Amino acid sequence: MKRTLPNLIGLMLLLAAPLFAGSRESAFLAQDILGPDIWSRVVRLERAPLEGDRRPEELYGLVVAFADILWFYNEYDGTQNLSSHRGRLSADKANLAALLHEIDPAMIRFTEATERPPAAAMPDAVPNACFLSCLRHWEMLQRSEKPPKRVRLIACFPPGSPTNGHMILEYRRGLRRFVFDPDRPTLQITIPFWVSGNPLTTATRALRERWLTPPSSATEVDLGKQLGLTSKNLILAGTNSGQPSL
């Protein structure tokens, strides 16, 4: 992930989880997880895999528009940003082929996939889904009686892994701060008001009971700000088995 805040966010959410289905089924289930209120399209990539490439010649993924950023999810790599700036969705959608080729040089062409797999073939879950889980939780918060006014995505990275990380969601209700961690979805993590708002400090506090080694870096996407520069490869987030890896 090319993480340069002046550029945007390269978010690859990598979870150390088995592939629960083929990439086609995972892409359509990822779309179902987000629901109809978040713009998304399943795409099929035809590829000429390079040496050592573990991804197949035919790869399905999900293109998502969220927070004025275009993202791409697939079951092998998790999620990363396609946009290099916020607020250019129309131009980025029109330039989708070039953006997909930038993150996957092995891609020859892509087409939109509209035919869903049979219901019996759909998996129960998708791997590398911390970004998807954060968006689903954000939707739930927006439907609550009093939606929080301050919400941000935080991508954090373990030492020695500057691109593969894990995504969490922080939100505030008054002076109270909370974090949603996709790896502990039923736990509401409270962040004391006196803890610095620095994304690395927040991530370290939220993950301290689960990560043996604290994250070495973190970056954020403020969901209250609709425009501005994003960091290209803002985040490559996910989780590892031993230490929740990103």
C-alpha atoms as a PDB file:
ATOM      1  CA  MET A   1       0.000   0.000   0.000  1.00  0.00           C
ATOM      2  CA  LYS A   2       1.388   3.322  -0.944  1.00  0.00           C
ATOM      3  CA  ARG A   3       0.603   5.228   2.155  1.00  0.00           C
ATOM      4  CA  THR A   4       1.000   8.935   1.596  1.00  0.00           C
ATOM      5  CA  LEU A   5      -1.524  11.079   3.329  1.00  0.00           C
ATOM      6  CA  PRO A   6      -1.317  13.663   0.579  1.00  0.00           C
ATOM      7  CA  ASN A   7      -2.519  10.890  -1.656  1.00  0.00           C
ATOM      8  CA  LEU A   8      -5.196   8.874   0.162  1.00  0.00           C
ATOM      9  CA  ILE A   9      -5.636   5.549   1.631  1.00  0.00           C
ATOM     10  CA  GLY A  10      -4.585   2.230   0.394  1.00  0.00           C
ATOM     11  CA  LEU A  11      -6.531  -0.074   2.438  1.00  0.00           C
ATOM     12  CA  MET A  12      -5.973  -3.770   2.130  1.00  0.00           C
ATOM     13  CA  LEU A  13      -7.717  -5.468   4.932  1.00  0.00           C
ATOM     14  CA  LEU A  14      -5.942  -8.766   5.312  1.00  0.00           C
ATOM     15  CA  LEU A  15      -7.282 -11.328   7.717  1.00  0.00           C
ATOM     16  CA  ALA A  16      -5.516 -14.600   8.237  1.00  0.00           C
ATOM     17  CA  ALA A  17      -8.596 -16.619   7.478  1.00  0.00           C
ATOM     18  CA  PRO A  18      -9.279 -19.468   5.053  1.00  0.00           C
ATOM     19  CA  LEU A  19     -11.049 -18.792   1.789  1.00  0.00           C
ATOM     20  CA  PHE A  20     -14.621 -19.669   2.568  1.00  0.00           C
ATOM     21  CA  ALA A  21     -15.683 -19.705  -1.069  1.00  0.00           C
ATOM     22  CA  GLY A  22     -14.556 -18.690  -4.524  1.00  0.00           C
ATOM     23  CA  SER A  23     -13.849 -15.044  -5.222  1.00  0.00           C
ATOM     24  CA  ARG A  24     -17.145 -14.706  -7.112  1.00  0.00           C
ATOM     25  CA  GLU A  25     -19.219 -15.868  -4.162  1.00  0.00           C
ATOM     26  CA  SER A  26     -17.198 -13.746  -1.746  1.00  0.00           C
ATOM     27  CA  ALA A  27     -17.653 -10.628  -3.883  1.00  0.00           C
ATOM     28  CA  PHE A  28     -21.430 -11.024  -4.031  1.00  0.00           C
ATOM     29  CA  LEU A  29     -21.663 -11.778  -0.314  1.00  0.00           C
ATOM     30  CA  ALA A  30     -19.553  -8.681   0.400  1.00  0.00           C
ATOM     31  CA  GLN A  31     -22.095  -6.672  -1.584  1.00  0.00           C
ATOM     32  CA  ASP A  32     -24.915  -8.214   0.440  1.00  0.00           C
ATOM     33  CA  ILE A  33     -23.123  -7.296   3.683  1.00  0.00           C
ATOM     34  CA  LEU A  34     -23.006  -3.630   2.690  1.00  0.00           C
ATOM     35  CA  GLY A  35     -26.591  -3.551   1.487  1.00  0.00           C
ATOM     36  CA  PRO A  36     -28.259  -1.285  -1.082  1.00  0.00           C
ATOM     37  CA  ASP A  37     -27.532   2.039   0.623  1.00  0.00           C
ATOM     38  CA  ILE A  38     -23.802   1.923  -0.174  1.00  0.00           C
ATOM     39  CA  TRP A  39     -22.938   2.040  -3.866  1.00  0.00           C
ATOM     40  CA  SER A  40     -21.078  -1.068  -5.015  1.00  0.00           C
ATOM     41  CA  ARG A  41     -20.475  -3.171  -8.129  1.00  0.00           C
ATOM     42  CA  VAL A  42     -19.152  -6.712  -8.469  1.00  0.00           C
ATOM     43  CA  VAL A  43     -16.478  -6.907 -11.164  1.00  0.00           C
ATOM     44  CA  ARG A  44     -14.694  -9.770 -12.899  1.00  0.00           C
ATOM     45  CA  LEU A  45     -11.003  -9.298 -13.626  1.00  0.00           C
ATOM     46  CA  GLU A  46      -9.273 -11.265 -16.373  1.00  0.00           C
ATOM     47  CA  ARG A  47      -5.619 -11.570 -15.447  1.00  0.00           C
ATOM     48  CA  ALA A  48      -2.290 -12.815 -16.688  1.00  0.00           C
ATOM     49  CA  PRO A  49      -0.770 -13.783 -13.325  1.00  0.00           C
ATOM     50  CA  LEU A  50       2.855 -12.860 -12.762  1.00  0.00           C
ATOM     51  CA  GLU A  51       5.364 -15.306 -11.332  1.00  0.00           C
ATOM     52  CA  GLY A  52       4.611 -16.001  -7.693  1.00  0.00           C
ATOM     53  CA  ASP A  53       1.117 -14.491  -7.936  1.00  0.00           C
ATOM     54  CA  ARG A  54      -1.297 -16.523  -5.816  1.00  0.00           C
ATOM     55  CA  ARG A  55      -4.385 -14.970  -7.348  1.00  0.00           C
ATOM     56  CA  PRO A  56      -6.138 -16.780 -10.216  1.00  0.00           C
ATOM     57  CA  GLU A  57      -6.565 -15.804 -13.867  1.00  0.00           C
ATOM     58  CA  GLU A  58     -10.207 -14.996 -13.151  1.00  0.00           C
ATOM     59  CA  LEU A  59     -10.686 -12.866 -10.060  1.00  0.00           C
ATOM     60  CA  TYR A  60     -13.893 -11.319  -8.770  1.00  0.00           C
ATOM     61  CA  GLY A  61     -14.001  -8.331  -6.467  1.00  0.00           C
ATOM     62  CA  LEU A  62     -16.275  -5.576  -5.215  1.00  0.00           C
ATOM     63  CA  VAL A  63     -15.850  -1.896  -6.068  1.00  0.00           C
ATOM     64  CA  VAL A  64     -17.293   0.296  -3.294  1.00  0.00           C
ATOM     65  CA  ALA A  65     -17.927   4.045  -3.124  1.00  0.00           C
ATOM     66  CA  PHE A  66     -17.754   5.282   0.461  1.00  0.00           C
ATOM     67  CA  ALA A  67     -16.610   8.507   2.151  1.00  0.00           C
ATOM     68  CA  ASP A  68     -15.906  10.083  -1.256  1.00  0.00           C
ATOM     69  CA  ILE A  69     -13.396   7.308  -1.937  1.00  0.00           C
ATOM     70  CA  LEU A  70     -13.518   4.385  -4.360  1.00  0.00           C
ATOM     71  CA  TRP A  71     -12.409   1.112  -2.746  1.00  0.00           C
ATOM     72  CA  PHE A  72     -11.777  -2.416  -4.018  1.00  0.00           C
ATOM     73  CA  TYR A  73     -12.337  -5.622  -2.042  1.00  0.00           C
ATOM     74  CA  ASN A  74     -11.384  -9.164  -2.977  1.00  0.00           C
ATOM     75  CA  GLU A  75     -11.045 -12.235  -0.806  1.00  0.00           C
ATOM     76  CA  TYR A  76      -7.295 -12.574  -1.366  1.00  0.00           C
ATOM     77  CA  ASP A  77      -6.143  -9.053  -0.542  1.00  0.00           C
ATOM     78  CA  GLY A  78      -8.931  -7.588   1.524  1.00  0.00           C
ATOM     79  CA  THR A  79      -9.717  -3.929   0.739  1.00  0.00           C
ATOM     80  CA  GLN A  80      -7.637  -1.094  -0.616  1.00  0.00           C
ATOM     81  CA  ASN A  81      -8.457   2.321  -1.969  1.00  0.00           C
ATOM     82  CA  LEU A  82      -8.593   2.944  -5.686  1.00  0.00           C
ATOM     83  CA  SER A  83      -9.023   6.727  -5.354  1.00  0.00           C
ATOM     84  CA  SER A  84      -6.023   8.920  -4.694  1.00  0.00           C
ATOM     85  CA  HIS A  85      -8.153  11.937  -3.688  1.00  0.00           C
ATOM     86  CA  ARG A  86     -11.494  12.291  -1.982  1.00  0.00           C
ATOM     87  CA  GLY A  87     -14.444  13.778  -3.797  1.00  0.00           C
ATOM     88  CA  ARG A  88     -13.620  12.567  -7.316  1.00  0.00           C
ATOM     89  CA  LEU A  89     -15.935   9.599  -7.522  1.00  0.00           C
ATOM     90  CA  SER A  90     -17.407  10.382 -10.923  1.00  0.00           C
ATOM     91  CA  ALA A  91     -13.979  10.708 -12.506  1.00  0.00           C
ATOM     92  CA  ASP A  92     -12.683   7.624 -10.693  1.00  0.00           C
ATOM     93  CA  LYS A  93     -15.640   5.510 -11.809  1.00  0.00           C
ATOM     94  CA  ALA A  94     -15.020   6.619 -15.385  1.00  0.00           C
ATOM     95  CA  ASN A  95     -11.349   5.702 -14.998  1.00  0.00           C
ATOM     96  CA  LEU A  96     -11.978   2.405 -13.230  1.00  0.00           C
ATOM     97  CA  ALA A  97      -9.979   0.220 -15.623  1.00  0.00           C
ATOM     98  CA  ALA A  98      -6.814   2.248 -15.089  1.00  0.00           C
ATOM     99  CA  LEU A  99      -7.287   2.329 -11.317  1.00  0.00           C
ATOM    100  CA  LEU A 100      -7.785  -1.437 -11.138  1.00  0.00           C
ATOM    101  CA  HIS A 101      -4.713  -1.999 -13.305  1.00  0.00           C
ATOM    102  CA  GLU A 102      -2.695   0.232 -10.985  1.00  0.00           C
ATOM    103  CA  ILE A 103      -3.336  -2.035  -8.007  1.00  0.00           C
ATOM    104  CA  ASP A 104      -3.214  -5.227 -10.106  1.00  0.00           C
ATOM    105  CA  PRO A 105      -0.745  -4.945 -13.014  1.00  0.00           C
ATOM    106  CA  ALA A 106      -1.663  -8.500 -14.059  1.00  0.00           C
ATOM    107  CA  MET A 107      -5.178  -7.385 -15.018  1.00  0.00           C
ATOM    108  CA  ILE A 108      -5.929  -7.510 -18.735  1.00  0.00           C
ATOM    109  CA  ARG A 109      -9.531  -6.323 -18.659  1.00  0.00           C
ATOM    110  CA  PHE A 110     -12.540  -6.187 -16.388  1.00  0.00           C
ATOM    111  CA  THR A 111     -16.296  -6.494 -16.778  1.00  0.00           C
ATOM    112  CA  GLU A 112     -19.169  -5.886 -14.401  1.00  0.00           C
ATOM    113  CA  ALA A 113     -20.646  -9.121 -13.056  1.00  0.00           C
ATOM    114  CA  THR A 114     -24.406  -9.147 -12.550  1.00  0.00           C
ATOM    115  CA  GLU A 115     -25.280 -12.851 -12.454  1.00  0.00           C
ATOM    116  CA  ARG A 116     -25.366 -14.021  -8.850  1.00  0.00           C
ATOM    117  CA  PRO A 117     -24.106 -17.461  -7.840  1.00  0.00           C
ATOM    118  CA  PRO A 118     -26.735 -20.012  -6.757  1.00  0.00           C
ATOM    119  CA  ALA A 119     -27.927 -19.467  -3.203  1.00  0.00           C
ATOM    120  CA  ALA A 120     -26.576 -22.869  -2.179  1.00  0.00           C
ATOM    121  CA  ALA A 121     -23.074 -21.823  -3.238  1.00  0.00           C
ATOM    122  CA  MET A 122     -22.972 -18.696  -1.108  1.00  0.00           C
ATOM    123  CA  PRO A 123     -20.667 -18.831   1.934  1.00  0.00           C
ATOM    124  CA  ASP A 124     -21.617 -17.885   5.474  1.00  0.00           C
ATOM    125  CA  ALA A 125     -18.802 -15.343   5.757  1.00  0.00           C
ATOM    126  CA  VAL A 126     -16.052 -13.711   3.742  1.00  0.00           C
ATOM    127  CA  PRO A 127     -12.340 -13.484   4.642  1.00  0.00           C
ATOM    128  CA  ASN A 128     -10.397 -10.255   5.096  1.00  0.00           C
ATOM    129  CA  ALA A 129     -13.572  -8.359   5.879  1.00  0.00           C
ATOM    130  CA  CYS A 130     -12.648  -5.805   8.558  1.00  0.00           C
ATOM    131  CA  PHE A 131     -13.404  -2.882   6.229  1.00  0.00           C
ATOM    132  CA  LEU A 132     -16.779  -4.368   5.283  1.00  0.00           C
ATOM    133  CA  SER A 133     -17.623  -4.964   8.936  1.00  0.00           C
ATOM    134  CA  CYS A 134     -16.749  -1.380   9.842  1.00  0.00           C
ATOM    135  CA  LEU A 135     -19.015  -0.047   7.110  1.00  0.00           C
ATOM    136  CA  ARG A 136     -21.863  -2.268   8.212  1.00  0.00           C
ATOM    137  CA  HIS A 137     -21.429  -1.036  11.797  1.00  0.00           C
ATOM    138  CA  TRP A 138     -21.347   2.566  10.547  1.00  0.00           C
ATOM    139  CA  GLU A 139     -24.688   1.951   8.825  1.00  0.00           C
ATOM    140  CA  MET A 140     -26.130   0.613  12.068  1.00  0.00           C
ATOM    141  CA  LEU A 141     -24.937   3.707  13.934  1.00  0.00           C
ATOM    142  CA  GLN A 142     -26.543   5.966  11.340  1.00  0.00           C
ATOM    143  CA  ARG A 143     -29.873   4.227  11.881  1.00  0.00           C
ATOM    144  CA  SER A 144     -29.719   4.642  15.650  1.00  0.00           C
ATOM    145  CA  GLU A 145     -31.948   7.148  17.462  1.00  0.00           C
ATOM    146  CA  LYS A 146     -29.034   9.541  17.930  1.00  0.00           C
ATOM    147  CA  PRO A 147     -26.351   8.906  15.311  1.00  0.00           C
ATOM    148  CA  PRO A 148     -22.872   9.947  16.445  1.00  0.00           C
ATOM    149  CA  LYS A 149     -21.622  13.129  14.797  1.00  0.00           C
ATOM    150  CA  ARG A 150     -17.940  12.223  14.904  1.00  0.00           C
ATOM    151  CA  VAL A 151     -16.906   8.944  13.283  1.00  0.00           C
ATOM    152  CA  ARG A 152     -13.650   7.835  11.706  1.00  0.00           C
ATOM    153  CA  LEU A 153     -12.069   4.738  10.225  1.00  0.00           C
ATOM    154  CA  ILE A 154      -8.627   3.909  11.603  1.00  0.00           C
ATOM    155  CA  ALA A 155      -6.265   1.557   9.796  1.00  0.00           C
ATOM    156  CA  CYS A 156      -3.440   0.272  11.970  1.00  0.00           C
ATOM    157  CA  PHE A 157      -0.344  -1.700  11.044  1.00  0.00           C
ATOM    158  CA  PRO A 158       1.816  -4.091  13.036  1.00  0.00           C
ATOM    159  CA  PRO A 159       5.605  -3.619  13.165  1.00  0.00           C
ATOM    160  CA  GLY A 160       7.280  -4.728   9.970  1.00  0.00           C
ATOM    161  CA  SER A 161       4.072  -4.663   7.932  1.00  0.00           C
ATOM    162  CA  PRO A 162       3.600  -1.159   6.527  1.00  0.00           C
ATOM    163  CA  THR A 163       0.896  -2.190   4.073  1.00  0.00           C
ATOM    164  CA  ASN A 164      -1.150  -5.036   5.542  1.00  0.00           C
ATOM    165  CA  GLY A 165      -3.228  -3.806   8.422  1.00  0.00           C
ATOM    166  CA  HIS A 166      -6.448  -3.954  10.368  1.00  0.00           C
ATOM    167  CA  MET A 167      -9.406  -1.571  10.279  1.00  0.00           C
ATOM    168  CA  ILE A 168     -11.393  -0.344  13.273  1.00  0.00           C
ATOM    169  CA  LEU A 169     -14.136   2.279  13.649  1.00  0.00           C
ATOM    170  CA  GLU A 170     -14.101   5.006  16.305  1.00  0.00           C
ATOM    171  CA  TYR A 171     -17.124   7.147  17.152  1.00  0.00           C
ATOM    172  CA  ARG A 172     -18.103   9.645  19.824  1.00  0.00           C
ATOM    173  CA  ARG A 173     -21.232  10.342  21.797  1.00  0.00           C
ATOM    174  CA  GLY A 174     -20.710  13.561  23.682  1.00  0.00           C
ATOM    175  CA  LEU A 175     -17.384  13.230  25.495  1.00  0.00           C
ATOM    176  CA  ARG A 176     -17.509   9.446  25.370  1.00  0.00           C
ATOM    177  CA  ARG A 177     -15.400   7.622  22.795  1.00  0.00           C
ATOM    178  CA  PHE A 178     -16.001   4.099  21.558  1.00  0.00           C
ATOM    179  CA  VAL A 179     -14.236   1.731  19.161  1.00  0.00           C
ATOM    180  CA  PHE A 180     -15.733  -1.076  17.108  1.00  0.00           C
ATOM    181  CA  ASP A 181     -13.217  -3.831  16.361  1.00  0.00           C
ATOM    182  CA  PRO A 182     -14.447  -6.314  13.692  1.00  0.00           C
ATOM    183  CA  ASP A 183     -12.516  -9.076  15.413  1.00  0.00           C
ATOM    184  CA  ARG A 184     -14.554  -8.493  18.603  1.00  0.00           C
ATOM    185  CA  PRO A 185     -17.900  -7.367  17.172  1.00  0.00           C
ATOM    186  CA  THR A 186     -19.928  -7.855  20.344  1.00  0.00           C
ATOM    187  CA  LEU A 187     -17.597  -5.791  22.537  1.00  0.00           C
ATOM    188  CA  GLN A 188     -18.020  -2.026  22.842  1.00  0.00           C
ATOM    189  CA  ILE A 189     -14.520  -0.747  23.549  1.00  0.00           C
ATOM    190  CA  THR A 190     -14.424   2.489  25.542  1.00  0.00           C
ATOM    191  CA  ILE A 191     -11.601   4.981  25.058  1.00  0.00           C
ATOM    192  CA  PRO A 192     -11.098   7.410  27.986  1.00  0.00           C
ATOM    193  CA  PHE A 193     -11.686  11.023  26.988  1.00  0.00           C
ATOM    194  CA  TRP A 194      -8.167  11.979  28.074  1.00  0.00           C
ATOM    195  CA  VAL A 195      -6.480   9.608  25.603  1.00  0.00           C
ATOM    196  CA  SER A 196      -4.957  11.466  22.661  1.00  0.00           C
ATOM    197  CA  GLY A 197      -6.977  11.588  19.470  1.00  0.00           C
ATOM    198  CA  ASN A 198      -3.915  10.590  17.482  1.00  0.00           C
ATOM    199  CA  PRO A 199      -5.005   7.542  15.411  1.00  0.00           C
ATOM    200  CA  LEU A 200      -1.996   5.458  16.488  1.00  0.00           C
ATOM    201  CA  THR A 201      -2.611   6.214  20.169  1.00  0.00           C
ATOM    202  CA  THR A 202      -6.290   5.356  19.812  1.00  0.00           C
ATOM    203  CA  ALA A 203      -5.568   2.111  17.949  1.00  0.00           C
ATOM    204  CA  THR A 204      -2.936   1.083  20.498  1.00  0.00           C
ATOM    205  CA  ARG A 205      -5.393   1.619  23.342  1.00  0.00           C
ATOM    206  CA  ALA A 206      -8.228  -0.222  21.592  1.00  0.00           C
ATOM    207  CA  LEU A 207      -6.124  -3.248  20.629  1.00  0.00           C
ATOM    208  CA  ARG A 208      -3.901  -3.545  23.683  1.00  0.00           C
ATOM    209  CA  GLU A 209      -5.718  -6.594  25.063  1.00  0.00           C
ATOM    210  CA  ARG A 210      -5.520  -8.465  21.774  1.00  0.00           C
ATOM    211  CA  TRP A 211      -2.248  -7.547  20.108  1.00  0.00           C
ATOM    212  CA  LEU A 212       0.908  -8.879  21.703  1.00  0.00           C
ATOM    213  CA  THR A 213       2.850  -6.053  20.065  1.00  0.00           C
ATOM    214  CA  PRO A 214       1.191  -2.649  19.621  1.00  0.00           C
ATOM    215  CA  PRO A 215       0.734  -1.260  16.117  1.00  0.00           C
ATOM    216  CA  SER A 216       3.646   0.766  14.794  1.00  0.00           C
ATOM    217  CA  SER A 217       1.615   3.087  12.581  1.00  0.00           C
ATOM    218  CA  ALA A 218      -1.956   4.107  11.878  1.00  0.00           C
ATOM    219  CA  THR A 219      -3.904   6.389   9.582  1.00  0.00           C
ATOM    220  CA  GLU A 220      -7.487   7.615   9.531  1.00  0.00           C
ATOM    221  CA  VAL A 221     -10.415   8.561   7.336  1.00  0.00           C
ATOM    222  CA  ASP A 222     -12.653  11.133   8.997  1.00  0.00           C
ATOM    223  CA  LEU A 223     -16.196  10.283   7.955  1.00  0.00           C
ATOM    224  CA  GLY A 224     -17.333  13.749   8.914  1.00  0.00           C
ATOM    225  CA  LYS A 225     -15.198  15.326   6.208  1.00  0.00           C
ATOM    226  CA  GLN A 226     -16.481  14.763   2.744  1.00  0.00           C
ATOM    227  CA  LEU A 227     -13.679  16.194   0.612  1.00  0.00           C
ATOM    228  CA  GLY A 228      -9.936  16.515   0.618  1.00  0.00           C
ATOM    229  CA  LEU A 229      -6.804  14.555  -0.086  1.00  0.00           C
ATOM    230  CA  THR A 230      -6.691  10.925   0.800  1.00  0.00           C
ATOM    231  CA  SER A 231      -3.616   8.874   1.187  1.00  0.00           C
ATOM    232  CA  LYS A 232      -3.079   6.548  -1.694  1.00  0.00           C
ATOM    233  CA  ASN A 233      -2.868   3.250   0.062  1.00  0.00           C
ATOM    234  CA  LEU A 234      -4.122   4.879   3.140  1.00  0.00           C
ATOM    235  CA  ILE A 235      -4.643   1.531   4.548  1.00  0.00           C
ATOM    236  CA  LEU A 236      -3.935  -2.052   3.864  1.00  0.00           C
ATOM    237  CA  ALA A 237      -5.805  -3.445   6.748  1.00  0.00           C
ATOM    238  CA  GLY A 238      -6.653  -6.879   7.974  1.00  0.00           C
ATOM    239  CA  THR A 239      -5.807  -9.327  10.701  1.00  0.00           C
ATOM    240  CA  ASN A 240      -3.342 -12.113  11.274  1.00  0.00           C
ATOM    241  CA  SER A 241      -4.066 -15.189  13.245  1.00  0.00           C
ATOM    242  CA  GLY A 242      -1.394 -14.942  15.894  1.00  0.00           C
ATOM    243  CA  GLN A 243      -1.444 -11.224  16.267  1.00  0.00           C
ATOM    244  CA  PRO A 244      -4.499  -9.736  14.682  1.00  0.00           C
ATOM    245  CA  SER A 245      -2.841  -8.732  11.625  1.00  0.00           C
ATOM    246  CA  LEU A 246      -4.019  -6.191   9.308  1.00  0.00           C
END
